[in-house]
Every structure is written in C-alpha cells, then in structure tokens.
C-alpha cells in the first residue's frame, strides 16, 4: 500500500499539469530504467498516454521518442496491449495509444476507433512539446516518431503512413487486404489498397505471428512488395494474438522495443539484432527474419522531418513560349509553416517561376518566411515535375524539390544554412494552395 501511495504521489507531482482524469500502473511499470504509468488526460480525449513516471531525466538534449499505437479489432481502448506498451514506455518512450484507458483487465466492448485518432495523438505531442505549461515542454523528440498498431491498428497505421511527421512504421499481426481476400476483413475496418504501400517513406517492420497468424499472408505480401524503403519481416509462430498478454509483453515487446531503439534512438547495439546475415534475431529461439535489400545494403542517407509549409497562391499568369519552354509565374501570397523546431508565417511577395517543355516542368520558387519569434528566413526552392508512363502503362508524376535556406548566422535557426534538404508535395489536403513537406538529409 505504501508503495502504491508513493507511486501515485510521484505521478501527481511530475504530471499534475497534464490534468489526468484516471491513472494506473501496469504490472510493475515495466522492466526498463524509467518506470511507466498509464493515464488519461482531458487534453487528449479518447486516448491513453503511457509514459515514464519521472520526467526529470528528459530534456531537449535527451528527449523522449514517440510511439503512436492503434489497437487490434479497432478497439477504442488498448486493453489488450497494455503490458506490451508499458514495457516499451519504461525504456524511455512516450506512448500514445488510441482509445480509453482500461482500468480493469476486462475486454473492451464499445464503438470502434478511427484512423484519425492516431493523427490526433501526433498533433497532441507537437502541442505539448511547444507548450511551456506542459510537463513535456521541450522533452519530446518530434523528429523520431513511430506509428504502429496490431491487426486493425496496423491497417490504421498504413492508412496514415503518408504523414510526413512519421519517421518509422511498425505493423504487428497485420497487412493490407487484396481483392481476393478482402471479404475476410472485419466490417468497418480501414481498407487501403495495396497501392498505399508506395506512400511509405520511412523504415518499416512487420512483426507477425508466423503461419498460424491470420494476417501472415497479408503482411508477408506487403513486405515482398516494399522495395523503396528498408523493410523487415520478423515472425514468431504464436498466431494472431502475439505475446502481448504475456508478462511485460513477452517476445514481441523485446523485438519491438529493440527495433525502436535502433530506429528512434540510433542504438548500434539494437541494430545488431537485425543487421547482417547472422543477426541476433535469426539466432533467437523461434524467430525468423526476412529483409529487403535496403536493410543490409550500403547505408544511404537518412532524413528527418523539418517542417510542413501551407503556401497560399495568387492567380498565375503566363509569359508565353520562350526558347527554354512555356513560362508561367505563380505569386506566393502567404501561408503558414510548422515543424518540430520552428513555425511561423509565409511572407507575401514571393513567386514560383515555372518552365514547361515536353511533359517536364522546371520550377524555382523564391520567397521568405517569418518565424513566430520574429526571425526572417529566405527560401530558394528548385525542383522538377515530370510526367512519365511506368512499365504497366500507368501515368505517373514525379515532383521533388531541393530547398536552400538563408537564415541569420547569429540566430538559433543558423543550422538551416548548413544542411541539404529535400521537399515533396502533400496532395489530398483540404487547403486552397499547395502543401509542401521538407526533410533534412542527415
């Protein structure tokens, strides 16, 4: 009883400003160095937060990476995964799980969750990190964020995979349905087509329950289709239920947490679990591992998300045909931008100059942005838009840019001057303009 009272007091002290409504310590808070607590907060309705009880070890230099989780059966509660998630949190992660906190071990019965709740989790993390009144202020590693889920939660994660803020994907006991087996899906589950896999822009791991897992064929089919980002398929033949209910999440928690340590913390020791022909996972009892060529191949550069720009545009005007192509000018009239390390507004007065010739457009946009603390930064963004036909005869479009930044050398944004960046549009946004995502090449 004394121990429980002490834990409750500690949680109240370290997280009082999150306005918890309910809290619970799962098992003993996990086996990691940072004992975890699970709680609900009024600022993130219909979600469960699992985090280290003591936040004092974390700061801007030692921040908490983030795991966003979706539940099996589209349950609007993580009741089935709390041991697994608490174990991960105890190793220094902020876990944001879809759905209401399970205060007992009884199965959840109620309405289904929605993919949008994962996006709500990401938005909340950004707000907390930026709020001086939050206990998470400047303690979250927004550039290292994994979206994950089991079964239906894995489908929700794949539904959201294009979000540029995601730096890793973990799909557990799940995979996209195809036309042949779509009828086996549970009603009202998200059903992205297999083409959705092309929108994955970060490393991905499938953790499956082997051939006894009803999601095995779907997950392995996904894995074999992914050849544009590093992908791993890890299998333990325990079936669809995984090992989530075992103490501290069992073997699935060990492999998931080690992969997160590699992807979100850059741990060399954790990477040895997966890298090489004789990787540690291949020698772990019961496990098998498959990897695409990008995992063990020559290490290429990685990226980190910098910002999303929502650029408003004026009416375009055409100069006409020139020796270099058809010239068009699109005024840049304003907008906003936001990322883990900066946010603000786009200054009216810039423009995007485009030259189009034979299905290919060269563009150069020159404009300025103003941060929320009053610093002006110039942007010169050059790129190409190219239309082509793939091997199946389908028309595709390539649209990529390479922005350069000019920031004051004596400002906290001087780091923008000393890196290379890539930029891609985000289509489908409900916005009257163009939405651009920017990554830094590390």
Protein backbone atom coordinates (compact mmCIF):
# COMPACT_ATOMS: atom_id res chain seq x y z
CA UNK A 1 0.00 0.00 0.00
CA UNK A 2 2.81 2.43 0.86
CA UNK A 3 4.45 1.72 -2.49
CA UNK A 4 1.20 2.42 -4.35
CA UNK A 5 0.70 5.66 -2.45
CA UNK A 6 4.26 6.74 -3.26
CA UNK A 7 3.79 5.99 -6.97
CA UNK A 8 0.51 7.90 -7.04
CA UNK A 9 2.14 10.88 -5.33
CA UNK A 10 5.08 10.82 -7.72
CA UNK A 11 2.78 10.74 -10.72
CA UNK A 12 0.78 13.67 -9.36
CA UNK A 13 3.93 15.72 -8.82
CA UNK A 14 5.61 15.03 -12.18
CA UNK A 15 2.48 15.16 -14.38
CA UNK A 16 -0.01 17.27 -12.50
CA UNK A 17 -0.17 19.85 -15.27
CA UNK A 18 -1.47 17.24 -17.77
CA UNK A 19 -4.80 17.19 -15.87
CA UNK A 20 -5.04 13.43 -15.50
CA UNK A 21 -8.53 12.05 -15.01
CA UNK A 22 -7.55 8.39 -14.44
CA UNK A 23 -4.21 6.60 -13.99
CA UNK A 24 -2.90 3.10 -13.49
CA UNK A 25 0.49 1.41 -13.14
CA UNK A 26 0.61 -1.77 -15.25
CA UNK A 27 2.44 -4.73 -13.72
CA UNK A 28 5.39 -3.04 -12.01
CA UNK A 29 5.80 -0.21 -14.52
CA UNK A 30 7.97 -2.27 -16.86
CA UNK A 31 11.49 -3.70 -16.68
CA UNK A 32 13.19 -0.63 -18.12
CA UNK A 33 15.06 2.11 -16.22
CA UNK A 34 12.08 4.52 -16.31
CA UNK A 35 9.06 3.01 -14.54
CA UNK A 36 5.93 3.80 -16.53
CA UNK A 37 2.45 4.99 -15.66
CA UNK A 38 -0.68 4.83 -17.82
CA UNK A 39 -3.19 7.68 -17.68
CA UNK A 40 -5.92 9.64 -19.42
CA UNK A 41 -5.86 13.39 -19.83
CA UNK A 42 -8.62 15.87 -20.64
CA UNK A 43 -6.43 17.47 -23.32
CA UNK A 44 -6.43 14.26 -25.41
CA UNK A 45 -9.90 12.74 -25.30
CA UNK A 46 -10.36 9.05 -26.13
CA UNK A 47 -6.64 8.30 -25.87
CA UNK A 48 -4.37 6.62 -23.34
CA UNK A 49 -0.93 8.02 -22.50
CA UNK A 50 1.81 5.72 -21.18
CA UNK A 51 4.99 7.48 -20.09
CA UNK A 52 7.84 7.40 -17.59
CA UNK A 53 6.57 8.38 -14.15
CA UNK A 54 9.56 10.67 -13.59
CA UNK A 55 10.18 13.09 -16.45
CA UNK A 56 13.18 14.83 -14.86
CA UNK A 57 15.78 12.77 -16.81
CA UNK A 58 14.39 14.09 -20.11
CA UNK A 59 15.09 17.44 -21.78
CA UNK A 60 15.90 18.94 -25.17
CA UNK A 61 19.26 17.13 -25.22
CA UNK A 62 17.76 13.81 -24.03
CA UNK A 63 14.19 13.80 -25.36
CA UNK A 64 11.53 11.10 -25.40
CA UNK A 65 10.89 9.45 -28.79
CA UNK A 66 7.22 8.82 -29.50
CA UNK A 67 5.25 5.67 -30.27
CA UNK A 68 1.68 6.16 -31.56
CA UNK A 69 -0.36 2.94 -31.25
CA UNK A 70 -3.56 1.55 -32.78
CA UNK A 71 -5.38 -1.42 -31.27
CA UNK A 72 -6.46 -4.81 -32.53
CA UNK A 73 -10.10 -5.24 -33.60
CA UNK A 74 -10.25 -1.44 -33.98
CA UNK A 75 -10.95 -1.37 -30.24
CA UNK A 76 -11.25 2.11 -28.78
CA UNK A 77 -9.13 1.03 -25.81
CA UNK A 78 -5.62 -0.50 -25.60
CA UNK A 79 -6.80 -3.10 -23.03
CA UNK A 80 -5.19 -5.94 -24.98
CA UNK A 81 -1.76 -4.30 -25.28
CA UNK A 82 -1.08 -2.50 -22.00
CA UNK A 83 1.68 -4.83 -20.79
CA UNK A 84 3.45 -4.53 -24.16
CA UNK A 85 3.08 -0.75 -24.28
CA UNK A 86 4.03 -0.18 -20.64
CA UNK A 87 7.20 -2.20 -21.20
CA UNK A 88 8.20 -0.02 -24.16
CA UNK A 89 7.46 3.20 -22.26
CA UNK A 90 9.69 2.06 -19.40
CA UNK A 91 12.70 2.22 -21.73
CA UNK A 92 12.24 5.94 -22.33
CA UNK A 93 9.34 6.43 -24.75
CA UNK A 94 6.14 8.43 -24.77
CA UNK A 95 3.41 6.03 -25.90
CA UNK A 96 0.13 7.47 -27.19
CA UNK A 97 -2.45 4.72 -27.64
CA UNK A 98 -5.80 5.11 -29.34
CA UNK A 99 -8.80 4.78 -27.03
CA UNK A 100 -9.94 4.96 -23.44
CA UNK A 101 -7.79 3.78 -20.56
CA UNK A 102 -8.58 0.23 -19.36
CA UNK A 103 -8.87 0.44 -15.58
CA UNK A 104 -9.51 -3.32 -15.33
CA UNK A 105 -8.34 -6.31 -17.35
CA UNK A 106 -11.82 -6.88 -18.80
CA UNK A 107 -12.06 -6.88 -22.63
CA UNK A 108 -13.28 -3.64 -24.21
CA UNK A 109 -16.80 -3.54 -25.59
CA UNK A 110 -17.92 -0.39 -27.32
CA UNK A 111 -17.67 1.64 -30.52
CA UNK A 112 -14.71 1.14 -32.84
CA UNK A 113 -11.76 3.51 -33.08
CA UNK A 114 -10.86 5.54 -36.17
CA UNK A 115 -7.55 6.11 -38.05
CA UNK A 116 -7.86 9.85 -37.33
CA UNK A 117 -7.14 9.20 -33.65
CA UNK A 118 -3.53 8.42 -34.50
CA UNK A 119 -3.22 11.82 -36.16
CA UNK A 120 -4.78 13.39 -33.06
CA UNK A 121 -2.01 11.74 -31.00
CA UNK A 122 0.69 13.25 -33.20
CA UNK A 123 -0.91 16.70 -33.08
CA UNK A 124 -1.13 16.48 -29.28
CA UNK A 125 2.56 15.60 -28.96
CA UNK A 126 3.50 18.64 -31.04
CA UNK A 127 1.34 20.92 -28.89
CA UNK A 128 2.70 19.52 -25.63
CA UNK A 129 6.31 19.95 -26.72
CA UNK A 130 5.61 23.57 -27.63
CA UNK A 131 3.60 24.49 -24.50
CA UNK A 132 5.66 25.99 -21.63
CA UNK A 133 2.89 24.93 -19.25
CA UNK A 134 3.18 21.25 -20.21
CA UNK A 135 5.42 18.80 -18.32
CA UNK A 136 6.51 17.60 -21.78
CA UNK A 137 7.71 21.06 -22.85
CA UNK A 138 10.89 20.61 -24.93
CA UNK A 139 11.14 16.97 -23.74
CA UNK A 140 9.78 15.20 -26.85
CA UNK A 141 11.79 14.03 -29.85
CA UNK A 142 9.36 15.01 -32.59
CA UNK A 143 11.82 14.03 -35.33
CA UNK A 144 11.73 10.40 -34.13
CA UNK A 145 8.12 9.25 -34.12
CA UNK A 146 6.85 5.75 -34.91
CA UNK A 147 3.26 4.94 -35.83
CA UNK A 148 2.35 1.34 -35.08
CA UNK A 149 -0.57 -0.96 -34.44
CA UNK A 150 -1.81 -4.53 -34.17
CA UNK A 151 -4.27 -6.11 -36.64
CA UNK A 152 -6.84 -3.35 -37.35
CA UNK A 153 -4.44 -0.91 -35.68
CA UNK A 154 -1.83 -1.92 -38.25
CA UNK A 155 -4.28 -1.10 -41.04
CA UNK A 156 -4.92 2.27 -39.39
CA UNK A 157 -1.15 2.87 -39.31
CA UNK A 158 -0.85 2.06 -43.02
CA UNK A 159 -3.84 4.31 -43.72
CA UNK A 160 -1.84 7.16 -42.11
CA UNK A 161 1.58 6.20 -43.49
CA UNK A 162 1.98 9.24 -45.75
CA UNK A 163 2.05 11.72 -42.84
CA UNK A 164 5.50 13.36 -43.15
CA UNK A 165 5.93 13.53 -39.37
CA UNK A 166 6.25 9.75 -39.19
CA UNK A 167 9.86 8.52 -39.13
CA UNK A 168 9.20 4.77 -38.66
CA UNK A 169 6.33 2.28 -39.09
CA UNK A 170 5.73 -0.91 -37.08
CA UNK A 171 2.95 -3.19 -38.36
CA UNK A 172 2.06 -6.01 -35.97
CA UNK A 173 -0.08 -9.05 -36.92
CA UNK A 174 -1.43 -7.10 -39.85
CA UNK A 175 -1.19 -6.35 -43.55
CA UNK A 176 -3.27 -4.84 -46.31
CA UNK A 177 -6.01 -6.98 -47.82
CA UNK A 178 -6.11 -7.65 -51.55
CA UNK A 179 -9.09 -8.17 -53.82
CA UNK A 180 -9.05 -11.93 -53.30
CA UNK A 181 -9.40 -11.89 -49.50
CA UNK A 182 -10.98 -8.52 -48.76
CA UNK A 183 -14.22 -10.30 -47.82
CA UNK A 184 -12.49 -11.79 -44.77
CA UNK A 185 -11.99 -8.36 -43.22
CA UNK A 186 -13.95 -7.31 -40.15
CA UNK A 187 -16.73 -4.82 -41.01
CA UNK A 188 -15.80 -1.13 -40.84
CA UNK A 189 -12.04 -1.74 -40.78
CA UNK A 190 -9.92 0.69 -42.84
CA UNK A 191 -9.21 -0.96 -46.20
CA UNK A 192 -6.45 0.90 -48.05
CA UNK A 193 -5.49 -0.69 -51.38
CA UNK A 194 -2.07 -2.28 -51.87
CA UNK A 195 -1.04 0.86 -53.79
CA UNK A 196 -0.97 2.62 -50.40
CA UNK A 197 2.37 0.91 -49.70
CA UNK A 198 4.02 3.27 -52.19
CA UNK A 199 3.29 6.15 -49.80
CA UNK A 200 5.50 4.68 -47.06
CA UNK A 201 8.50 7.00 -46.77
CA UNK A 202 10.36 5.56 -43.77
CA UNK A 203 11.74 2.23 -42.48
CA UNK A 204 9.06 -0.36 -41.70
CA UNK A 205 8.96 -3.62 -39.77
CA UNK A 206 6.25 -6.27 -39.87
CA UNK A 207 6.11 -8.32 -36.65
CA UNK A 208 3.91 -11.32 -37.34
CA UNK A 209 2.78 -14.50 -35.59
CA UNK A 210 4.06 -16.84 -38.30
CA UNK A 211 1.87 -19.03 -40.49
CA UNK A 212 -0.70 -19.56 -37.69
CA UNK A 213 -1.36 -15.80 -37.80
CA UNK A 214 -4.45 -14.99 -39.88
CA UNK A 215 -2.64 -11.83 -41.02
CA UNK A 216 0.52 -13.70 -42.10
CA UNK A 217 -0.26 -13.85 -45.83
CA UNK A 218 -1.35 -10.20 -45.98
CA UNK A 219 1.66 -8.98 -44.02
CA UNK A 220 4.20 -11.01 -45.98
CA UNK A 221 2.61 -9.91 -49.25
CA UNK A 222 3.04 -6.29 -48.13
CA UNK A 223 6.66 -6.96 -47.19
CA UNK A 224 7.51 -8.52 -50.56
CA UNK A 225 6.01 -5.52 -52.38
CA UNK A 226 8.07 -2.91 -50.49
CA UNK A 227 11.33 -2.16 -52.28
CA UNK A 228 11.67 1.60 -51.91
CA UNK A 229 12.32 1.85 -48.14
CA UNK A 230 14.11 -0.51 -45.71
CA UNK A 231 11.67 -3.27 -44.72
CA UNK A 232 11.89 -6.20 -42.29
CA UNK A 233 9.51 -9.10 -41.66
CA UNK A 234 10.02 -10.81 -38.29
CA UNK A 235 7.97 -13.92 -37.48
CA UNK A 236 7.38 -15.88 -34.28
CA UNK A 237 4.86 -18.75 -34.79
CA UNK A 238 2.48 -17.85 -31.95
CA UNK A 239 -0.56 -16.89 -34.04
CA UNK A 240 -2.56 -13.71 -34.37
CA UNK A 241 -2.64 -12.91 -30.65
CA UNK A 242 1.11 -12.39 -30.45
CA UNK A 243 2.62 -12.29 -26.97
CA UNK A 244 1.06 -9.02 -25.80
CA UNK A 245 -0.71 -10.62 -22.82
CA UNK A 246 2.42 -12.30 -21.50
CA UNK A 247 4.38 -10.64 -18.66
CA UNK A 248 5.86 -7.38 -19.93
CA UNK A 249 4.56 -8.13 -23.43
CA UNK A 250 6.69 -11.23 -23.97
CA UNK A 251 8.90 -11.71 -27.02
CA UNK A 252 7.01 -9.24 -29.19
CA UNK A 253 7.89 -6.45 -26.74
CA UNK A 254 11.58 -7.42 -26.79
CA UNK A 255 11.81 -7.28 -30.58
CA UNK A 256 9.59 -4.20 -30.95
CA UNK A 257 11.47 -2.21 -28.32
CA UNK A 258 14.87 -3.18 -29.76
CA UNK A 259 13.78 -2.10 -33.24
CA UNK A 260 12.53 1.21 -31.81
CA UNK A 261 15.86 1.71 -30.02
CA UNK A 262 17.58 1.31 -33.39
CA UNK A 263 15.24 3.46 -35.45
CA UNK A 264 14.32 6.18 -32.94
CA UNK A 265 17.43 6.31 -30.76
CA UNK A 266 20.14 5.25 -33.20
CA UNK A 267 21.39 2.46 -30.92
CA UNK A 268 24.20 0.48 -32.58
CA UNK A 269 23.68 -2.37 -30.12
CA UNK A 270 19.99 -2.53 -31.01
CA UNK A 271 20.81 -2.52 -34.73
CA UNK A 272 22.82 -5.73 -34.30
CA UNK A 273 19.54 -7.52 -33.57
CA UNK A 274 18.57 -7.00 -37.23
CA UNK A 275 21.67 -6.27 -39.34
CA UNK A 276 23.87 -8.84 -41.00
CA UNK A 277 23.36 -12.38 -42.26
CA UNK A 278 23.80 -13.79 -38.76
CA UNK A 279 21.87 -11.09 -36.92
CA UNK A 280 20.89 -11.71 -33.32
CA UNK A 281 17.19 -12.12 -34.15
CA UNK A 282 17.92 -15.02 -36.50
CA UNK A 283 19.50 -16.84 -33.55
CA UNK A 284 16.73 -16.04 -31.09
CA UNK A 285 14.58 -19.08 -30.34
CA UNK A 286 11.58 -19.42 -32.64
CA UNK A 287 12.15 -16.24 -34.64
CA UNK A 288 12.75 -15.95 -38.38
CA UNK A 289 13.66 -12.74 -40.17
CA UNK A 290 13.50 -11.55 -43.78
CA UNK A 291 14.87 -8.24 -45.02
CA UNK A 292 14.75 -6.38 -48.31
CA UNK A 293 17.96 -5.25 -49.99
CA UNK A 294 17.85 -1.78 -48.42
CA UNK A 295 18.34 -3.06 -44.86
CA UNK A 296 21.76 -4.71 -45.15
CA UNK A 297 22.84 -2.91 -48.32
CA UNK A 298 25.15 0.11 -48.37
CA UNK A 299 23.86 2.59 -45.85
CA UNK A 300 22.29 5.55 -47.54
CA UNK A 301 21.49 8.92 -46.01
CA UNK A 302 18.51 9.19 -43.72
CA UNK A 303 16.19 12.15 -43.29
CA UNK A 304 14.39 13.97 -40.51
CA UNK A 305 11.19 15.95 -40.89
CA UNK A 306 11.77 19.72 -40.68
CA UNK A 307 8.50 21.44 -41.48
CA UNK A 308 5.27 21.49 -43.43
CA UNK A 309 4.52 24.66 -45.40
CA UNK A 310 0.97 25.57 -46.38
CA UNK A 311 1.50 28.13 -49.14
CA UNK A 312 -1.31 30.32 -50.44
CA UNK A 313 -1.07 31.30 -54.10
CA UNK A 314 -2.31 34.14 -56.26
CA UNK A 315 -3.59 33.96 -59.82
CA UNK A 316 -0.96 32.56 -62.19
CA UNK A 317 0.00 34.44 -65.35
CA UNK A 318 1.77 33.14 -68.42
CA UNK A 319 4.65 34.88 -70.19
CA UNK A 320 4.25 32.51 -73.12
CA UNK A 321 6.57 30.30 -75.13
CA UNK A 322 10.25 31.13 -74.69
CA UNK A 323 13.40 29.43 -76.05
CA UNK A 324 13.52 27.45 -72.79
CA UNK A 325 9.85 26.43 -72.64
CA UNK A 326 6.45 27.85 -71.67
CA UNK A 327 6.98 30.34 -68.84
CA UNK A 328 4.43 30.68 -66.03
CA UNK A 329 4.61 32.74 -62.84
CA UNK A 330 2.58 31.90 -59.73
CA UNK A 331 2.56 34.59 -56.99
CA UNK A 332 3.11 33.44 -53.40
CA UNK A 333 0.75 35.42 -51.18
CA UNK A 334 1.24 33.98 -47.70
CA UNK A 335 0.52 30.91 -45.59
CA UNK A 336 1.93 29.18 -42.55
CA UNK A 337 4.62 26.63 -41.68
CA UNK A 338 5.26 24.38 -38.70
CA UNK A 339 7.78 21.74 -37.68
CA UNK A 340 9.49 20.31 -34.60
CA UNK A 341 11.97 23.19 -34.32
CA UNK A 342 10.29 26.19 -35.95
CA UNK A 343 6.95 27.61 -37.02
CA UNK A 344 5.50 30.86 -38.29
CA UNK A 345 4.06 32.54 -41.39
CA UNK A 346 4.98 32.84 -45.06
CA UNK A 347 5.66 36.38 -46.24
CA UNK A 348 3.55 37.79 -49.08
CA UNK A 349 5.58 38.82 -52.13
CA UNK A 350 7.40 35.74 -53.40
CA UNK A 351 6.71 33.78 -56.55
CA UNK A 352 7.16 30.43 -58.26
CA UNK A 353 8.68 30.63 -61.75
CA UNK A 354 7.98 27.58 -63.94
CA UNK A 355 9.28 26.49 -67.36
CA UNK A 356 7.33 23.66 -69.02
CA UNK A 357 8.52 21.70 -72.04
CA UNK A 358 7.56 18.26 -73.37
CA UNK A 359 5.94 16.90 -70.19
CA UNK A 360 8.63 18.25 -67.89
CA UNK A 361 8.48 21.40 -65.76
CA UNK A 362 11.40 23.09 -64.04
CA UNK A 363 10.43 25.33 -61.15
CA UNK A 364 12.14 27.85 -58.92
CA UNK A 365 10.27 29.42 -56.00
CA UNK A 366 11.82 32.35 -54.14
CA UNK A 367 10.16 33.71 -51.01
CA UNK A 368 10.64 34.42 -47.31
CA UNK A 369 9.20 33.07 -44.09
CA UNK A 370 8.92 34.69 -40.67
CA UNK A 371 9.22 32.59 -37.51
CA UNK A 372 6.87 33.10 -34.60
CA UNK A 373 9.71 34.82 -32.70
CA UNK A 374 10.27 37.38 -35.47
CA UNK A 375 13.18 35.96 -37.49
CA UNK A 376 13.08 36.25 -41.30
CA UNK A 377 14.46 33.36 -43.38
CA UNK A 378 14.81 33.29 -47.17
CA UNK A 379 13.96 30.18 -49.21
CA UNK A 380 15.06 29.35 -52.75
CA UNK A 381 13.33 26.11 -53.79
CA UNK A 382 14.27 24.48 -57.10
CA UNK A 383 12.74 21.32 -58.46
CA UNK A 384 11.15 19.38 -61.31
CA UNK A 385 7.74 17.98 -62.19
CA UNK A 386 7.97 15.14 -64.70
CA UNK A 387 5.18 13.03 -66.14
CA UNK A 388 6.00 9.54 -67.42
CA UNK A 389 4.46 6.13 -68.13
CA UNK A 390 5.51 3.17 -66.00
CA UNK A 391 6.07 -0.42 -67.15
CA UNK A 392 2.35 -1.20 -66.74
CA UNK A 393 1.33 1.75 -68.91
CA UNK A 394 0.13 3.82 -65.96
CA UNK A 395 0.79 7.57 -65.99
CA UNK A 396 2.90 8.70 -63.06
CA UNK A 397 4.17 12.08 -61.92
CA UNK A 398 7.45 12.91 -60.19
CA UNK A 399 7.50 16.13 -58.13
CA UNK A 400 10.52 16.82 -55.92
CA UNK A 401 12.45 19.94 -54.93
CA UNK A 402 15.65 20.88 -53.14
CA UNK A 403 15.14 24.00 -50.98
CA UNK A 404 18.01 26.15 -49.77
CA UNK A 405 17.64 28.34 -46.69
CA UNK A 406 19.27 31.64 -45.78
CA UNK A 407 18.92 32.21 -42.02
CA UNK A 408 20.72 34.79 -39.85
CA UNK A 409 24.08 33.32 -38.83
CA UNK A 410 23.65 34.60 -35.27
CA UNK A 411 20.15 33.10 -34.81
CA UNK A 412 19.02 29.75 -33.41
CA UNK A 413 17.98 28.86 -36.97
CA UNK A 414 21.55 29.02 -38.34
CA UNK A 415 21.51 25.20 -38.66
CA UNK A 416 19.33 25.66 -41.75
CA UNK A 417 22.34 27.13 -43.56
CA UNK A 418 24.47 24.03 -43.07
CA UNK A 419 22.41 21.11 -44.38
CA UNK A 420 20.85 19.80 -47.58
CA UNK A 421 17.08 19.49 -47.76
CA UNK A 422 14.51 17.73 -49.93
CA UNK A 423 10.89 18.69 -50.42
CA UNK A 424 7.77 16.94 -51.71
CA UNK A 425 4.13 17.99 -52.02
CA UNK A 426 1.33 16.55 -49.92
CA UNK A 427 -1.79 16.09 -52.02
CA UNK A 428 -5.28 15.49 -50.72
CA UNK A 429 -5.06 18.23 -48.09
CA UNK A 430 -8.18 20.34 -47.64
CA UNK A 431 -6.29 23.56 -48.35
CA UNK A 432 -6.58 26.26 -51.00
CA UNK A 433 -2.94 26.35 -52.09
CA UNK A 434 -0.06 23.91 -52.05
CA UNK A 435 1.20 21.88 -49.08
CA UNK A 436 4.94 21.11 -49.04
CA UNK A 437 6.86 18.83 -46.68
CA UNK A 438 10.55 19.43 -46.05
CA UNK A 439 13.10 16.92 -44.74
CA UNK A 440 16.75 17.44 -43.77
CA UNK A 441 19.22 14.95 -45.23
CA UNK A 442 21.28 13.64 -42.31
